[in-house]
Amino acid sequence: MGIPTLISTSTASNASAVTISSGIDSTYDEYMFVFTDIGPATSATDFTFQCNNTNNDGLGITMTTTYFQAGHSEDDGSTFLSYQTGRDQAQAGGYQKLANHLGNGSDESCAGILHLFTPASTTYIHHFYSRFSEYYNDGSDSYSMDTYVAGYFNNLYAIDEISFKMDSGNFDGVIQMYGIA
């Protein structure tokens, strides 16, 4: 891995979305987004992302993704590792879930990292992967979750904008964008 260079810091305070539209260009082949204390205003909501490209297709670029999680309940009653078919996409243009079923309590947030590769390329598709640590509550039990998402944007236009939001309600947190040399 190369040396990360901080490009921008976005602080969300009861924000509906954080959209980054500057600094994503051909300067770096890899961009890393670091998420700290991402907490929703609404309980039982998912943290998501999507991109726009220079063809101005809007925040709905077609992507294919995979999503799996490892979990451990707070009461030590259950553990699991599973592929989550309902949280991935197969050539779809929706916002991709990065962390799911977050609560709005001060201890129910998430943190993570997302890597986006060659966003300025007009020759290759754009790959990404993420890893998040999150608090998950299914109503009957609370879990510590380790969530992995990977995939690619299936287009040959340069990506020049990325948006992060909850699938319901607003959120707080810090999102830093780094270029990897």
C-alpha atoms as a PDB file:
ATOM      1  CA  MET A   1       0.000   0.000   0.000  1.00  0.00           C
ATOM      2  CA  GLY A   2       1.177   3.479  -0.832  1.00  0.00           C
ATOM      3  CA  ILE A   3       1.285   6.558   1.321  1.00  0.00           C
ATOM      4  CA  PRO A   4      -2.113   8.160   2.030  1.00  0.00           C
ATOM      5  CA  THR A   5      -2.470  11.909   1.457  1.00  0.00           C
ATOM      6  CA  LEU A   6      -5.420  13.646   3.106  1.00  0.00           C
ATOM      7  CA  ILE A   7      -7.472  15.466   0.459  1.00  0.00           C
ATOM      8  CA  SER A   8     -10.599  16.487   2.367  1.00  0.00           C
ATOM      9  CA  THR A   9     -12.547  16.096   5.614  1.00  0.00           C
ATOM     10  CA  SER A  10     -16.341  16.306   5.681  1.00  0.00           C
ATOM     11  CA  THR A  11     -18.150  16.561   8.999  1.00  0.00           C
ATOM     12  CA  ALA A  12     -21.817  15.604   8.952  1.00  0.00           C
ATOM     13  CA  SER A  13     -24.033  17.131  11.609  1.00  0.00           C
ATOM     14  CA  ASN A  14     -27.611  15.957  11.188  1.00  0.00           C
ATOM     15  CA  ALA A  15     -26.915  15.792   7.429  1.00  0.00           C
ATOM     16  CA  SER A  16     -29.131  14.035   4.910  1.00  0.00           C
ATOM     17  CA  ALA A  17     -26.050  13.195   2.797  1.00  0.00           C
ATOM     18  CA  VAL A  18     -22.361  13.968   2.372  1.00  0.00           C
ATOM     19  CA  THR A  19     -21.432  14.382  -1.272  1.00  0.00           C
ATOM     20  CA  ILE A  20     -17.814  14.810  -2.334  1.00  0.00           C
ATOM     21  CA  SER A  21     -17.456  16.293  -5.821  1.00  0.00           C
ATOM     22  CA  SER A  22     -13.958  17.723  -5.819  1.00  0.00           C
ATOM     23  CA  GLY A  23     -10.606  16.013  -5.514  1.00  0.00           C
ATOM     24  CA  ILE A  24     -11.676  12.757  -7.201  1.00  0.00           C
ATOM     25  CA  ASP A  25      -9.636  12.863 -10.395  1.00  0.00           C
ATOM     26  CA  SER A  26      -6.619  11.307 -12.137  1.00  0.00           C
ATOM     27  CA  THR A  27      -4.145  12.464  -9.455  1.00  0.00           C
ATOM     28  CA  TYR A  28      -4.378   9.073  -7.697  1.00  0.00           C
ATOM     29  CA  ASP A  29      -5.270   5.567  -8.874  1.00  0.00           C
ATOM     30  CA  GLU A  30      -6.692   4.721  -5.438  1.00  0.00           C
ATOM     31  CA  TYR A  31      -8.864   6.756  -3.093  1.00  0.00           C
ATOM     32  CA  MET A  32      -9.544   5.774   0.501  1.00  0.00           C
ATOM     33  CA  PHE A  33     -12.508   7.055   2.516  1.00  0.00           C
ATOM     34  CA  VAL A  34     -12.267   6.772   6.299  1.00  0.00           C
ATOM     35  CA  PHE A  35     -15.505   6.921   8.322  1.00  0.00           C
ATOM     36  CA  THR A  36     -15.467   7.820  12.020  1.00  0.00           C
ATOM     37  CA  ASP A  37     -18.434   7.773  14.428  1.00  0.00           C
ATOM     38  CA  ILE A  38     -21.121   7.483  11.752  1.00  0.00           C
ATOM     39  CA  GLY A  39     -24.353   7.642  13.748  1.00  0.00           C
ATOM     40  CA  PRO A  40     -27.880   7.834  12.326  1.00  0.00           C
ATOM     41  CA  ALA A  41     -30.684  10.007  13.667  1.00  0.00           C
ATOM     42  CA  THR A  42     -33.149   7.190  12.873  1.00  0.00           C
ATOM     43  CA  SER A  43     -32.846   3.749  14.451  1.00  0.00           C
ATOM     44  CA  ALA A  44     -32.625   0.550  12.351  1.00  0.00           C
ATOM     45  CA  THR A  45     -31.198   2.254   9.254  1.00  0.00           C
ATOM     46  CA  ASP A  46     -28.416   1.435   6.767  1.00  0.00           C
ATOM     47  CA  PHE A  47     -25.353   3.509   5.792  1.00  0.00           C
ATOM     48  CA  THR A  48     -25.025   3.582   1.980  1.00  0.00           C
ATOM     49  CA  PHE A  49     -23.063   5.067  -0.935  1.00  0.00           C
ATOM     50  CA  GLN A  50     -23.313   5.683  -4.690  1.00  0.00           C
ATOM     51  CA  CYS A  51     -21.326   7.573  -7.343  1.00  0.00           C
ATOM     52  CA  ASN A  52     -21.847   9.857 -10.330  1.00  0.00           C
ATOM     53  CA  ASN A  53     -19.664  10.006 -13.436  1.00  0.00           C
ATOM     54  CA  THR A  54     -18.514  12.539 -16.020  1.00  0.00           C
ATOM     55  CA  ASN A  55     -21.355  11.405 -18.300  1.00  0.00           C
ATOM     56  CA  ASN A  56     -23.583  12.891 -15.561  1.00  0.00           C
ATOM     57  CA  ASP A  57     -25.671   9.749 -15.147  1.00  0.00           C
ATOM     58  CA  GLY A  58     -26.584  10.946 -11.671  1.00  0.00           C
ATOM     59  CA  LEU A  59     -26.112   9.064  -8.428  1.00  0.00           C
ATOM     60  CA  GLY A  60     -27.189   5.731  -9.832  1.00  0.00           C
ATOM     61  CA  ILE A  61     -24.320   4.079 -11.701  1.00  0.00           C
ATOM     62  CA  THR A  62     -24.868   0.372 -12.398  1.00  0.00           C
ATOM     63  CA  MET A  63     -22.845  -1.829 -10.052  1.00  0.00           C
ATOM     64  CA  THR A  64     -22.388  -5.457  -9.064  1.00  0.00           C
ATOM     65  CA  THR A  65     -21.516  -6.136  -5.417  1.00  0.00           C
ATOM     66  CA  THR A  66     -21.126  -8.794  -2.771  1.00  0.00           C
ATOM     67  CA  TYR A  67     -21.853  -8.382   0.943  1.00  0.00           C
ATOM     68  CA  PHE A  68     -20.908 -10.606   3.860  1.00  0.00           C
ATOM     69  CA  GLN A  69     -20.723 -10.255   7.633  1.00  0.00           C
ATOM     70  CA  ALA A  70     -19.300 -11.838  10.740  1.00  0.00           C
ATOM     71  CA  GLY A  71     -21.183 -11.225  13.965  1.00  0.00           C
ATOM     72  CA  HIS A  72     -20.909 -11.903  17.682  1.00  0.00           C
ATOM     73  CA  SER A  73     -23.794 -11.217  20.059  1.00  0.00           C
ATOM     74  CA  GLU A  74     -23.218  -9.098  23.163  1.00  0.00           C
ATOM     75  CA  ASP A  75     -24.553 -11.867  25.413  1.00  0.00           C
ATOM     76  CA  ASP A  76     -22.115 -14.381  23.819  1.00  0.00           C
ATOM     77  CA  GLY A  77     -25.122 -16.469  22.760  1.00  0.00           C
ATOM     78  CA  SER A  78     -24.427 -16.602  19.032  1.00  0.00           C
ATOM     79  CA  THR A  79     -21.836 -16.026  16.349  1.00  0.00           C
ATOM     80  CA  PHE A  80     -22.044 -16.245  12.571  1.00  0.00           C
ATOM     81  CA  LEU A  81     -20.337 -15.648   9.238  1.00  0.00           C
ATOM     82  CA  SER A  82     -22.721 -15.268   6.307  1.00  0.00           C
ATOM     83  CA  TYR A  83     -23.206 -13.987   2.793  1.00  0.00           C
ATOM     84  CA  GLN A  84     -26.103 -11.512   2.751  1.00  0.00           C
ATOM     85  CA  THR A  85     -27.886 -11.887  -0.608  1.00  0.00           C
ATOM     86  CA  GLY A  86     -30.445  -9.186   0.198  1.00  0.00           C
ATOM     87  CA  ARG A  87     -27.754  -6.551   0.663  1.00  0.00           C
ATOM     88  CA  ASP A  88     -25.796  -6.968  -2.566  1.00  0.00           C
ATOM     89  CA  GLN A  89     -26.591  -5.788  -6.097  1.00  0.00           C
ATOM     90  CA  ALA A  90     -26.474  -7.538  -9.477  1.00  0.00           C
ATOM     91  CA  GLN A  91     -26.186  -4.919 -12.213  1.00  0.00           C
ATOM     92  CA  ALA A  92     -28.346  -2.448 -10.314  1.00  0.00           C
ATOM     93  CA  GLY A  93     -28.091   1.300  -9.772  1.00  0.00           C
ATOM     94  CA  GLY A  94     -29.226   1.759  -6.185  1.00  0.00           C
ATOM     95  CA  TYR A  95     -27.232   3.026  -3.244  1.00  0.00           C
ATOM     96  CA  GLN A  96     -25.021   0.205  -1.906  1.00  0.00           C
ATOM     97  CA  LYS A  97     -25.292  -0.679   1.778  1.00  0.00           C
ATOM     98  CA  LEU A  98     -21.990  -0.442   3.682  1.00  0.00           C
ATOM     99  CA  ALA A  99     -23.312  -0.998   7.232  1.00  0.00           C
ATOM    100  CA  ASN A 100     -26.793  -2.087   8.218  1.00  0.00           C
ATOM    101  CA  HIS A 101     -29.434  -1.818  10.894  1.00  0.00           C
ATOM    102  CA  LEU A 102     -27.620   0.862  12.882  1.00  0.00           C
ATOM    103  CA  GLY A 103     -29.243   2.292  15.982  1.00  0.00           C
ATOM    104  CA  ASN A 104     -29.436   5.937  16.968  1.00  0.00           C
ATOM    105  CA  GLY A 105     -27.941   5.524  20.458  1.00  0.00           C
ATOM    106  CA  SER A 106     -24.510   6.952  21.213  1.00  0.00           C
ATOM    107  CA  ASP A 107     -23.064   3.406  21.306  1.00  0.00           C
ATOM    108  CA  GLU A 108     -24.838   2.217  18.128  1.00  0.00           C
ATOM    109  CA  SER A 109     -22.676   3.760  15.404  1.00  0.00           C
ATOM    110  CA  CYS A 110     -20.247   2.420  12.800  1.00  0.00           C
ATOM    111  CA  ALA A 111     -16.733   3.116  11.549  1.00  0.00           C
ATOM    112  CA  GLY A 112     -14.957   1.855   8.461  1.00  0.00           C
ATOM    113  CA  ILE A 113     -12.895   2.273   5.328  1.00  0.00           C
ATOM    114  CA  LEU A 114     -13.854   2.253   1.635  1.00  0.00           C
ATOM    115  CA  HIS A 115     -11.275   1.946  -1.177  1.00  0.00           C
ATOM    116  CA  LEU A 116     -12.150   3.114  -4.721  1.00  0.00           C
ATOM    117  CA  PHE A 117      -9.773   2.241  -7.569  1.00  0.00           C
ATOM    118  CA  THR A 118      -9.054   4.130 -10.828  1.00  0.00           C
ATOM    119  CA  PRO A 119     -12.044   6.484 -10.675  1.00  0.00           C
ATOM    120  CA  ALA A 120     -10.640   8.634 -13.526  1.00  0.00           C
ATOM    121  CA  SER A 121     -10.214   5.708 -15.920  1.00  0.00           C
ATOM    122  CA  THR A 122     -12.215   5.659 -19.142  1.00  0.00           C
ATOM    123  CA  THR A 123     -10.655   2.320 -20.136  1.00  0.00           C
ATOM    124  CA  TYR A 124     -11.460   0.085 -17.151  1.00  0.00           C
ATOM    125  CA  ILE A 125     -14.408  -0.414 -14.826  1.00  0.00           C
ATOM    126  CA  HIS A 126     -14.078   0.955 -11.279  1.00  0.00           C
ATOM    127  CA  HIS A 127     -13.565  -1.533  -8.428  1.00  0.00           C
ATOM    128  CA  PHE A 128     -14.127  -0.892  -4.720  1.00  0.00           C
ATOM    129  CA  TYR A 129     -14.135  -2.685  -1.384  1.00  0.00           C
ATOM    130  CA  SER A 130     -15.006  -1.732   2.172  1.00  0.00           C
ATOM    131  CA  ARG A 131     -14.773  -3.010   5.719  1.00  0.00           C
ATOM    132  CA  PHE A 132     -16.915  -1.672   8.550  1.00  0.00           C
ATOM    133  CA  SER A 133     -17.222  -2.335  12.258  1.00  0.00           C
ATOM    134  CA  GLU A 134     -20.729  -1.675  13.466  1.00  0.00           C
ATOM    135  CA  TYR A 135     -23.277  -2.085  16.205  1.00  0.00           C
ATOM    136  CA  TYR A 136     -26.285  -4.089  15.005  1.00  0.00           C
ATOM    137  CA  ASN A 137     -29.548  -4.677  16.852  1.00  0.00           C
ATOM    138  CA  ASP A 138     -32.170  -7.009  15.388  1.00  0.00           C
ATOM    139  CA  GLY A 139     -34.714  -6.199  18.098  1.00  0.00           C
ATOM    140  CA  SER A 140     -33.974  -9.248  20.216  1.00  0.00           C
ATOM    141  CA  ASP A 141     -30.172  -9.183  20.436  1.00  0.00           C
ATOM    142  CA  SER A 142     -27.259  -6.785  19.881  1.00  0.00           C
ATOM    143  CA  TYR A 143     -24.201  -7.728  17.844  1.00  0.00           C
ATOM    144  CA  SER A 144     -20.721  -6.541  17.074  1.00  0.00           C
ATOM    145  CA  MET A 145     -20.522  -6.854  13.279  1.00  0.00           C
ATOM    146  CA  ASP A 146     -17.599  -6.993  10.880  1.00  0.00           C
ATOM    147  CA  THR A 147     -19.011  -6.164   7.429  1.00  0.00           C
ATOM    148  CA  TYR A 148     -17.307  -6.589   4.048  1.00  0.00           C
ATOM    149  CA  VAL A 149     -18.567  -5.207   0.746  1.00  0.00           C
ATOM    150  CA  ALA A 150     -16.823  -5.431  -2.627  1.00  0.00           C
ATOM    151  CA  GLY A 151     -17.817  -4.765  -6.201  1.00  0.00           C
ATOM    152  CA  TYR A 152     -17.434  -2.683  -9.298  1.00  0.00           C
ATOM    153  CA  PHE A 153     -19.156   0.140 -11.153  1.00  0.00           C
ATOM    154  CA  ASN A 154     -19.889  -1.154 -14.631  1.00  0.00           C
ATOM    155  CA  ASN A 155     -19.197   1.894 -16.792  1.00  0.00           C
ATOM    156  CA  LEU A 156     -16.286   3.416 -18.656  1.00  0.00           C
ATOM    157  CA  TYR A 157     -16.861   7.048 -17.691  1.00  0.00           C
ATOM    158  CA  ALA A 158     -14.682   8.693 -15.052  1.00  0.00           C
ATOM    159  CA  ILE A 159     -16.228   8.847 -11.571  1.00  0.00           C
ATOM    160  CA  ASP A 160     -16.139  12.419 -10.275  1.00  0.00           C
ATOM    161  CA  GLU A 161     -18.603  12.420  -7.365  1.00  0.00           C
ATOM    162  CA  ILE A 162     -19.404  10.130  -4.437  1.00  0.00           C
ATOM    163  CA  SER A 163     -22.316  10.383  -2.017  1.00  0.00           C
ATOM    164  CA  PHE A 164     -22.875   8.832   1.408  1.00  0.00           C
ATOM    165  CA  LYS A 165     -26.213   8.743   3.241  1.00  0.00           C
ATOM    166  CA  MET A 166     -28.483   6.707   5.483  1.00  0.00           C
ATOM    167  CA  ASP A 167     -31.316   4.919   3.729  1.00  0.00           C
ATOM    168  CA  SER A 168     -33.640   6.694   6.166  1.00  0.00           C
ATOM    169  CA  GLY A 169     -33.104   9.964   8.028  1.00  0.00           C
ATOM    170  CA  ASN A 170     -30.020  12.055   8.723  1.00  0.00           C
ATOM    171  CA  PHE A 171     -26.649  11.244  10.299  1.00  0.00           C
ATOM    172  CA  ASP A 172     -23.599  12.590  12.112  1.00  0.00           C
ATOM    173  CA  GLY A 173     -19.975  11.620  11.598  1.00  0.00           C
ATOM    174  CA  VAL A 174     -16.677  12.390   9.920  1.00  0.00           C
ATOM    175  CA  ILE A 175     -15.659  11.270   6.409  1.00  0.00           C
ATOM    176  CA  GLN A 176     -12.071  11.790   5.294  1.00  0.00           C
ATOM    177  CA  MET A 177     -10.908  11.260   1.708  1.00  0.00           C
ATOM    178  CA  TYR A 178      -7.296  10.243   1.033  1.00  0.00           C
ATOM    179  CA  GLY A 179      -5.388   9.718  -2.185  1.00  0.00           C
ATOM    180  CA  ILE A 180      -3.043   6.715  -2.154  1.00  0.00           C
ATOM    181  CA  ALA A 181       0.255   7.300  -3.988  1.00  0.00           C
END
